[in-house]
């Protein structure tokens, strides 16, 4: 996942995708 994150971070156009994915992932992690 870290490798993919590095690639995504290098693509500034995907910042919104990072934010959305992080929010959803956190929700799934803490919303069990």
C-alpha atoms as a PDB file:
ATOM      1  CA  UNK A   1       0.000   0.000   0.000  1.00  0.00           C
ATOM      2  CA  UNK A   2       2.891   2.345   0.704  1.00  0.00           C
ATOM      3  CA  UNK A   3       4.206   1.903  -2.837  1.00  0.00           C
ATOM      4  CA  UNK A   4       0.811   2.816  -4.268  1.00  0.00           C
ATOM      5  CA  UNK A   5       0.570   5.764  -1.893  1.00  0.00           C
ATOM      6  CA  UNK A   6       3.914   7.100  -3.111  1.00  0.00           C
ATOM      7  CA  UNK A   7       2.744   6.870  -6.711  1.00  0.00           C
ATOM      8  CA  UNK A   8      -0.544   8.582  -5.920  1.00  0.00           C
ATOM      9  CA  UNK A   9       1.145  11.349  -3.942  1.00  0.00           C
ATOM     10  CA  UNK A  10       3.368  12.039  -6.941  1.00  0.00           C
ATOM     11  CA  UNK A  11       0.180  12.625  -8.937  1.00  0.00           C
ATOM     12  CA  UNK A  12      -1.129  15.858  -7.456  1.00  0.00           C
ATOM     13  CA  UNK A  13      -4.357  15.422  -9.391  1.00  0.00           C
ATOM     14  CA  UNK A  14      -5.237  12.491  -7.153  1.00  0.00           C
ATOM     15  CA  UNK A  15      -5.134  14.385  -3.856  1.00  0.00           C
ATOM     16  CA  UNK A  16      -8.924  14.287  -3.679  1.00  0.00           C
ATOM     17  CA  UNK A  17      -8.768  10.524  -4.223  1.00  0.00           C
ATOM     18  CA  UNK A  18      -6.291  10.193  -1.358  1.00  0.00           C
ATOM     19  CA  UNK A  19      -8.531  12.195   0.948  1.00  0.00           C
ATOM     20  CA  UNK A  20     -11.627  10.202   0.048  1.00  0.00           C
ATOM     21  CA  UNK A  21      -9.830   6.859   0.324  1.00  0.00           C
ATOM     22  CA  UNK A  22      -8.277   7.775   3.664  1.00  0.00           C
ATOM     23  CA  UNK A  23     -11.647   8.888   5.030  1.00  0.00           C
ATOM     24  CA  UNK A  24     -13.395   5.730   3.850  1.00  0.00           C
ATOM     25  CA  UNK A  25     -10.588   3.502   5.119  1.00  0.00           C
ATOM     26  CA  UNK A  26     -10.638   5.190   8.534  1.00  0.00           C
ATOM     27  CA  UNK A  27     -14.423   4.783   8.644  1.00  0.00           C
ATOM     28  CA  UNK A  28     -14.112   1.075   7.881  1.00  0.00           C
ATOM     29  CA  UNK A  29     -11.347   0.653  10.454  1.00  0.00           C
ATOM     30  CA  UNK A  30     -13.036   2.492  13.328  1.00  0.00           C
ATOM     31  CA  UNK A  31     -16.644   1.937  12.298  1.00  0.00           C
ATOM     32  CA  UNK A  32     -16.692  -1.820  12.831  1.00  0.00           C
END
